[in-house]
C-alpha atoms as a PDB file:
ATOM      1  CA  MET A   1     -18.134   1.085   9.478  1.00  0.00           C
ATOM      2  CA  ASN A   2     -16.138   3.868  10.086  1.00  0.00           C
ATOM      3  CA  SER A   3     -12.832   2.074   9.483  1.00  0.00           C
ATOM      4  CA  LEU A   4     -14.163   1.420   5.879  1.00  0.00           C
ATOM      5  CA  VAL A   5     -15.368   4.683   5.112  1.00  0.00           C
ATOM      6  CA  LYS A   6     -11.882   5.841   6.012  1.00  0.00           C
ATOM      7  CA  PHE A   7     -10.529   2.916   3.978  1.00  0.00           C
ATOM      8  CA  LEU A   8     -12.183   4.061   0.384  1.00  0.00           C
ATOM      9  CA  ILE A   9     -12.849   7.722   1.014  1.00  0.00           C
ATOM     10  CA  GLY A  10     -10.904   8.766   3.954  1.00  0.00           C
ATOM     11  CA  ALA A  11      -8.510  11.353   3.749  1.00  0.00           C
ATOM     12  CA  ASP A  12      -4.552  10.395   4.369  1.00  0.00           C
ATOM     13  CA  ALA A  13      -3.059  11.636   7.657  1.00  0.00           C
ATOM     14  CA  PRO A  14      -0.180  13.993   7.127  1.00  0.00           C
ATOM     15  CA  LEU A  15       3.238  12.843   7.566  1.00  0.00           C
ATOM     16  CA  SER A  16       4.222  12.938  11.398  1.00  0.00           C
ATOM     17  CA  HIS A  17       7.651  14.132  10.786  1.00  0.00           C
ATOM     18  CA  PRO A  18       7.399  17.518   8.058  1.00  0.00           C
ATOM     19  CA  LYS A  19      10.906  17.866   7.303  1.00  0.00           C
ATOM     20  CA  ARG A  20      10.977  14.105   5.763  1.00  0.00           C
ATOM     21  CA  LEU A  21       8.446  15.443   3.195  1.00  0.00           C
ATOM     22  CA  PRO A  22      10.714  16.342   0.286  1.00  0.00           C
ATOM     23  CA  ALA A  23      12.716  13.016   0.865  1.00  0.00           C
ATOM     24  CA  ALA A  24       9.714  11.349   0.725  1.00  0.00           C
ATOM     25  CA  ARG A  25       8.526  12.354  -2.601  1.00  0.00           C
ATOM     26  CA  ILE A  26      11.693  12.000  -3.906  1.00  0.00           C
ATOM     27  CA  ALA A  27      11.510   8.208  -3.178  1.00  0.00           C
ATOM     28  CA  GLY A  28       8.065   7.636  -4.441  1.00  0.00           C
ATOM     29  CA  TRP A  29       8.537   9.582  -7.700  1.00  0.00           C
ATOM     30  CA  ALA A  30      11.951   7.621  -7.793  1.00  0.00           C
ATOM     31  CA  GLY A  31      10.323   4.543  -7.357  1.00  0.00           C
ATOM     32  CA  ALA A  32       7.464   5.036  -9.868  1.00  0.00           C
ATOM     33  CA  ALA A  33       9.511   5.908 -12.618  1.00  0.00           C
ATOM     34  CA  TYR A  34      11.654   2.855 -12.223  1.00  0.00           C
ATOM     35  CA  LEU A  35       8.409   0.869 -11.828  1.00  0.00           C
ATOM     36  CA  ALA A  36       6.746   2.162 -14.905  1.00  0.00           C
ATOM     37  CA  TYR A  37      10.348   1.467 -16.417  1.00  0.00           C
ATOM     38  CA  ALA A  38      10.089  -1.913 -15.329  1.00  0.00           C
ATOM     39  CA  ALA A  39       6.986  -2.866 -15.761  1.00  0.00           C
ATOM     40  CA  ALA A  40       6.784  -1.386 -19.122  1.00  0.00           C
ATOM     41  CA  THR A  41       9.638  -3.677 -20.232  1.00  0.00           C
ATOM     42  CA  TYR A  42       8.408  -6.835 -18.778  1.00  0.00           C
ATOM     43  CA  LEU A  43       5.105  -6.343 -20.771  1.00  0.00           C
ATOM     44  CA  ASP A  44       7.221  -5.278 -23.700  1.00  0.00           C
ATOM     45  CA  LEU A  45       8.832  -8.666 -23.868  1.00  0.00           C
ATOM     46  CA  LYS A  46       6.917 -11.292 -22.231  1.00  0.00           C
ATOM     47  CA  SER A  47       2.710 -10.108 -23.058  1.00  0.00           C
ATOM     48  CA  GLY A  48       3.178 -10.348 -26.694  1.00  0.00           C
ATOM     49  CA  LEU A  49       0.454  -6.971 -26.488  1.00  0.00           C
ATOM     50  CA  PRO A  50       1.437  -3.896 -28.759  1.00  0.00           C
ATOM     51  CA  VAL A  51       4.793  -1.619 -27.549  1.00  0.00           C
ATOM     52  CA  VAL A  52       2.405   1.922 -27.277  1.00  0.00           C
ATOM     53  CA  PHE A  53      -0.193  -0.217 -25.295  1.00  0.00           C
ATOM     54  CA  CYS A  54       2.725  -1.930 -23.027  1.00  0.00           C
ATOM     55  CA  TRP A  55       4.408   1.262 -22.363  1.00  0.00           C
ATOM     56  CA  LEU A  56       0.903   3.050 -21.432  1.00  0.00           C
ATOM     57  CA  LEU A  57       0.098   0.036 -18.967  1.00  0.00           C
ATOM     58  CA  GLY A  58       3.719   0.602 -17.194  1.00  0.00           C
ATOM     59  CA  LEU A  59       3.250   4.224 -16.796  1.00  0.00           C
ATOM     60  CA  VAL A  60      -0.327   3.289 -14.877  1.00  0.00           C
ATOM     61  CA  LEU A  61       0.983   0.284 -13.182  1.00  0.00           C
ATOM     62  CA  GLY A  62       3.918   2.225 -12.004  1.00  0.00           C
ATOM     63  CA  ALA A  63       2.192   5.588 -11.067  1.00  0.00           C
ATOM     64  CA  PRO A  64       0.990   4.998  -7.647  1.00  0.00           C
ATOM     65  CA  PHE A  65       4.077   4.547  -5.613  1.00  0.00           C
ATOM     66  CA  ALA A  66       4.702   8.198  -6.404  1.00  0.00           C
ATOM     67  CA  PHE A  67       1.974   8.220  -3.484  1.00  0.00           C
ATOM     68  CA  ALA A  68       3.530   5.474  -1.055  1.00  0.00           C
ATOM     69  CA  PHE A  69       5.523   7.368   1.382  1.00  0.00           C
ATOM     70  CA  THR A  70       3.420  10.471   1.634  1.00  0.00           C
ATOM     71  CA  ARG A  71      -0.384   9.142   0.775  1.00  0.00           C
ATOM     72  CA  PRO A  72      -0.423   5.577   1.359  1.00  0.00           C
ATOM     73  CA  LEU A  73      -4.126   5.393   1.576  1.00  0.00           C
ATOM     74  CA  LEU A  74      -4.208   7.314  -2.293  1.00  0.00           C
ATOM     75  CA  ALA A  75      -1.271   5.071  -3.362  1.00  0.00           C
ATOM     76  CA  TRP A  76      -2.766   1.542  -2.223  1.00  0.00           C
ATOM     77  CA  ARG A  77      -6.282   2.629  -3.911  1.00  0.00           C
ATOM     78  CA  LEU A  78      -4.513   3.713  -6.984  1.00  0.00           C
ATOM     79  CA  ALA A  79      -2.168   0.304  -7.159  1.00  0.00           C
ATOM     80  CA  PHE A  80      -5.512  -1.836  -6.340  1.00  0.00           C
ATOM     81  CA  LEU A  81      -7.825  -0.076  -9.476  1.00  0.00           C
ATOM     82  CA  THR A  82      -4.578  -0.191 -11.438  1.00  0.00           C
ATOM     83  CA  GLY A  83      -4.122  -3.823 -10.584  1.00  0.00           C
ATOM     84  CA  ILE A  84      -6.988  -4.669 -11.799  1.00  0.00           C
ATOM     85  CA  LEU A  85      -7.201  -2.717 -14.946  1.00  0.00           C
ATOM     86  CA  GLY A  86      -3.841  -3.732 -15.674  1.00  0.00           C
ATOM     87  CA  GLY A  87      -3.570  -7.227 -15.243  1.00  0.00           C
ATOM     88  CA  LEU A  88      -6.971  -8.157 -17.110  1.00  0.00           C
ATOM     89  CA  PRO A  89      -5.883  -7.242 -20.292  1.00  0.00           C
ATOM     90  CA  VAL A  90      -2.205  -9.727 -19.891  1.00  0.00           C
ATOM     91  CA  GLN A  91      -4.156 -11.961 -18.456  1.00  0.00           C
ATOM     92  CA  LEU A  92      -6.900 -12.052 -21.114  1.00  0.00           C
ATOM     93  CA  HIS A  93      -3.689 -12.240 -23.459  1.00  0.00           C
ATOM     94  CA  HIS A  94      -2.297 -15.307 -21.627  1.00  0.00           C
ATOM     95  CA  ARG A  95       1.392 -14.946 -22.476  1.00  0.00           C
ATOM     96  CA  THR A  96       2.660 -13.848 -18.989  1.00  0.00           C
ATOM     97  CA  PRO A  97       3.168 -15.876 -15.582  1.00  0.00           C
ATOM     98  CA  PHE A  98       2.270 -12.586 -13.531  1.00  0.00           C
ATOM     99  CA  SER A  99      -0.058 -10.006 -14.799  1.00  0.00           C
ATOM    100  CA  TRP A 100       2.456  -7.376 -13.580  1.00  0.00           C
ATOM    101  CA  HIS A 101       6.517  -7.172 -13.216  1.00  0.00           C
ATOM    102  CA  PRO A 102       7.559  -9.152 -10.015  1.00  0.00           C
ATOM    103  CA  ALA A 103       8.694  -5.848  -8.846  1.00  0.00           C
ATOM    104  CA  LEU A 104       5.391  -4.101  -8.964  1.00  0.00           C
ATOM    105  CA  LEU A 105       4.319  -6.433  -6.364  1.00  0.00           C
ATOM    106  CA  VAL A 106       7.250  -5.604  -4.293  1.00  0.00           C
ATOM    107  CA  ALA A 107       5.651  -2.125  -4.662  1.00  0.00           C
ATOM    108  CA  GLN A 108       1.974  -2.817  -3.595  1.00  0.00           C
ATOM    109  CA  PHE A 109       3.664  -4.825  -0.641  1.00  0.00           C
ATOM    110  CA  VAL A 110       5.798  -1.603   0.493  1.00  0.00           C
ATOM    111  CA  ILE A 111       2.557   0.303   0.241  1.00  0.00           C
ATOM    112  CA  LEU A 112       0.447  -2.155   2.678  1.00  0.00           C
ATOM    113  CA  VAL A 113       3.424  -1.728   5.278  1.00  0.00           C
ATOM    114  CA  ALA A 114       2.742   1.971   4.617  1.00  0.00           C
ATOM    115  CA  VAL A 115      -0.802   1.723   5.150  1.00  0.00           C
ATOM    116  CA  ALA A 116      -0.552  -0.647   8.211  1.00  0.00           C
ATOM    117  CA  SER A 117       2.646   1.627   9.835  1.00  0.00           C
ATOM    118  CA  ARG A 118      -0.094   5.042   9.793  1.00  0.00           C
ATOM    119  CA  TYR A 119      -3.623   3.794  10.088  1.00  0.00           C
ATOM    120  CA  ARG A 120      -5.230   1.531  12.636  1.00  0.00           C
ATOM    121  CA  ALA A 121      -5.852  -2.421  12.465  1.00  0.00           C
ATOM    122  CA  ALA A 122      -9.194  -1.636  11.151  1.00  0.00           C
ATOM    123  CA  VAL A 123      -8.685   0.266   8.301  1.00  0.00           C
ATOM    124  CA  SER A 124      -5.150  -1.894   7.410  1.00  0.00           C
ATOM    125  CA  GLY A 125      -7.534  -4.676   7.451  1.00  0.00           C
ATOM    126  CA  TRP A 126      -9.542  -3.478   4.734  1.00  0.00           C
ATOM    127  CA  ALA A 127      -6.227  -3.126   2.427  1.00  0.00           C
ATOM    128  CA  TRP A 128      -5.124  -6.663   3.072  1.00  0.00           C
ATOM    129  CA  LEU A 129      -8.692  -8.072   2.311  1.00  0.00           C
ATOM    130  CA  SER A 130      -8.549  -6.273  -0.715  1.00  0.00           C
ATOM    131  CA  MET A 131      -4.701  -7.122  -1.281  1.00  0.00           C
ATOM    132  CA  ALA A 132      -6.495 -10.896  -1.058  1.00  0.00           C
ATOM    133  CA  ALA A 133      -8.825  -9.980  -3.458  1.00  0.00           C
ATOM    134  CA  LEU A 134      -6.331  -8.774  -6.009  1.00  0.00           C
ATOM    135  CA  VAL A 135      -4.141 -12.033  -5.506  1.00  0.00           C
ATOM    136  CA  THR A 136      -7.187 -13.795  -6.093  1.00  0.00           C
ATOM    137  CA  ILE A 137      -8.053 -12.488  -9.192  1.00  0.00           C
ATOM    138  CA  SER A 138      -4.423 -12.248 -10.165  1.00  0.00           C
ATOM    139  CA  PHE A 139      -2.614 -15.262  -9.642  1.00  0.00           C
ATOM    140  CA  TYR A 140      -3.005 -19.200 -10.272  1.00  0.00           C
ATOM    141  CA  PRO A 141      -4.709 -20.560  -7.257  1.00  0.00           C
ATOM    142  CA  ALA A 142      -1.210 -22.438  -5.890  1.00  0.00           C
ATOM    143  CA  ASP A 143       0.517 -18.684  -6.027  1.00  0.00           C
ATOM    144  CA  ARG A 144      -2.406 -17.141  -3.566  1.00  0.00           C
ATOM    145  CA  ILE A 145      -1.919 -18.469  -0.025  1.00  0.00           C
ATOM    146  CA  PRO A 146       1.947 -18.031  -0.243  1.00  0.00           C
ATOM    147  CA  LEU A 147       1.661 -14.427  -1.092  1.00  0.00           C
ATOM    148  CA  MET A 148      -1.516 -13.635   1.292  1.00  0.00           C
ATOM    149  CA  GLU A 149       0.997 -15.448   3.927  1.00  0.00           C
ATOM    150  CA  ILE A 150       3.630 -12.699   3.166  1.00  0.00           C
ATOM    151  CA  VAL A 151       1.166 -10.051   2.719  1.00  0.00           C
ATOM    152  CA  THR A 152       0.161 -10.592   6.434  1.00  0.00           C
ATOM    153  CA  VAL A 153       3.391 -11.203   7.712  1.00  0.00           C
ATOM    154  CA  LEU A 154       4.387  -7.507   6.219  1.00  0.00           C
ATOM    155  CA  MET A 155       1.894  -5.901   7.257  1.00  0.00           C
ATOM    156  CA  GLY A 156       1.655  -7.243  10.672  1.00  0.00           C
ATOM    157  CA  ALA A 157       5.351  -5.693  10.676  1.00  0.00           C
ATOM    158  CA  GLY A 158       3.820  -2.498  10.086  1.00  0.00           C
ATOM    159  CA  TRP A 159       0.756  -2.635  12.402  1.00  0.00           C
ATOM    160  CA  LEU A 160       3.146  -3.703  15.452  1.00  0.00           C
ATOM    161  CA  ALA A 161       5.529  -0.359  14.245  1.00  0.00           C
ATOM    162  CA  HIS A 162       2.357   1.684  14.202  1.00  0.00           C
ATOM    163  CA  ARG A 163       0.861   0.597  18.013  1.00  0.00           C
ATOM    164  CA  ARG A 164       5.001   1.064  19.305  1.00  0.00           C
ATOM    165  CA  ALA A 165       4.751   4.538  17.999  1.00  0.00           C
ATOM    166  CA  GLU A 166       1.294   5.294  19.737  1.00  0.00           C
ATOM    167  CA  ASN A 167       2.508   3.628  22.501  1.00  0.00           C
ATOM    168  CA  ARG A 168       5.578   5.914  22.523  1.00  0.00           C
ATOM    169  CA  LEU A 169       3.040   8.885  22.195  1.00  0.00           C
ATOM    170  CA  ARG A 170       1.385   7.961  25.247  1.00  0.00           C
ATOM    171  CA  SER A 171       3.883   7.784  27.607  1.00  0.00           C
ATOM    172  CA  VAL A 172       5.277  11.216  26.141  1.00  0.00           C
ATOM    173  CA  LEU A 173       2.307  13.509  25.939  1.00  0.00           C
ATOM    174  CA  PRO A 174      -0.081  14.659  28.629  1.00  0.00           C
ATOM    175  CA  GLU A 175      -3.737  13.048  28.803  1.00  0.00           C
ATOM    176  CA  GLY A 176      -5.776  15.131  26.560  1.00  0.00           C
ATOM    177  CA  SER A 177      -3.138  16.332  24.171  1.00  0.00           C
ATOM    178  CA  THR A 178      -3.380  15.646  20.551  1.00  0.00           C
ATOM    179  CA  PRO A 179      -0.416  14.232  19.317  1.00  0.00           C
ATOM    180  CA  PRO A 180       1.428  15.569  15.585  1.00  0.00           C
ATOM    181  CA  GLY A 181      -0.808  14.419  12.965  1.00  0.00           C
ATOM    182  CA  GLY A 182      -4.112  15.322  14.104  1.00  0.00           C
ATOM    183  CA  ALA A 183      -5.067  11.552  15.714  1.00  0.00           C
ATOM    184  CA  ALA A 184      -7.252  11.596  18.645  1.00  0.00           C
ATOM    185  CA  PRO A 185      -6.144  12.751  21.982  1.00  0.00           C
ATOM    186  CA  VAL A 186      -4.119  10.462  23.991  1.00  0.00           C
ATOM    187  CA  GLU A 187      -6.280   9.308  26.977  1.00  0.00           C
ATOM    188  CA  ALA A 188      -4.062   8.098  30.246  1.00  0.00           C
ATOM    189  CA  VAL A 189      -3.569   4.355  30.371  1.00  0.00           C
ATOM    190  CA  ARG A 190      -5.128   3.549  34.068  1.00  0.00           C
ATOM    191  CA  PRO A 191      -4.850  -0.231  35.460  1.00  0.00           C
ATOM    192  CA  ALA A 192      -8.085  -2.074  35.131  1.00  0.00           C
ATOM    193  CA  ALA A 193     -10.000  -2.080  39.033  1.00  0.00           C
ATOM    194  CA  GLY A 194     -10.219  -5.925  40.021  1.00  0.00           C
END
């Protein structure tokens, strides 16, 4: 249950390399600007919704990516909420094949990989489950399984990267020390008694 609380309201862990913070912020904001523009123009051309509403919806849908690399849990929470709130009016209007611009789906994939690469499998599992709910709400039945297969493979790669980084820290840091980012103290790896 601790992982669910962490997923829902927990604070994001700080970046392991603070020197990368400016680049992460620039990449996040640049991606958010592109996604807002792409979503707004896509919705304007395909949805039949009023232009002003399309541009507001585009800004809302692109905004979570601004936090993708610095605060991935916050970015995912925002992407999930905006995916639901932004997708419902489009689906109710029945004009586009997707509830958002396809690039926003890729942005959600990137955010999920960032979550999986920075958090344990228990927290990442909740992110995967919430993506499954979002896909179920937002896509046609024929598209759901292939999309979730893609999400599973990408998040699995992120989780493997997280595990390898943890193992590297265990081999480098002495027992009982705390790794950068405030994670739990490193425990010695002992062979099982047999």
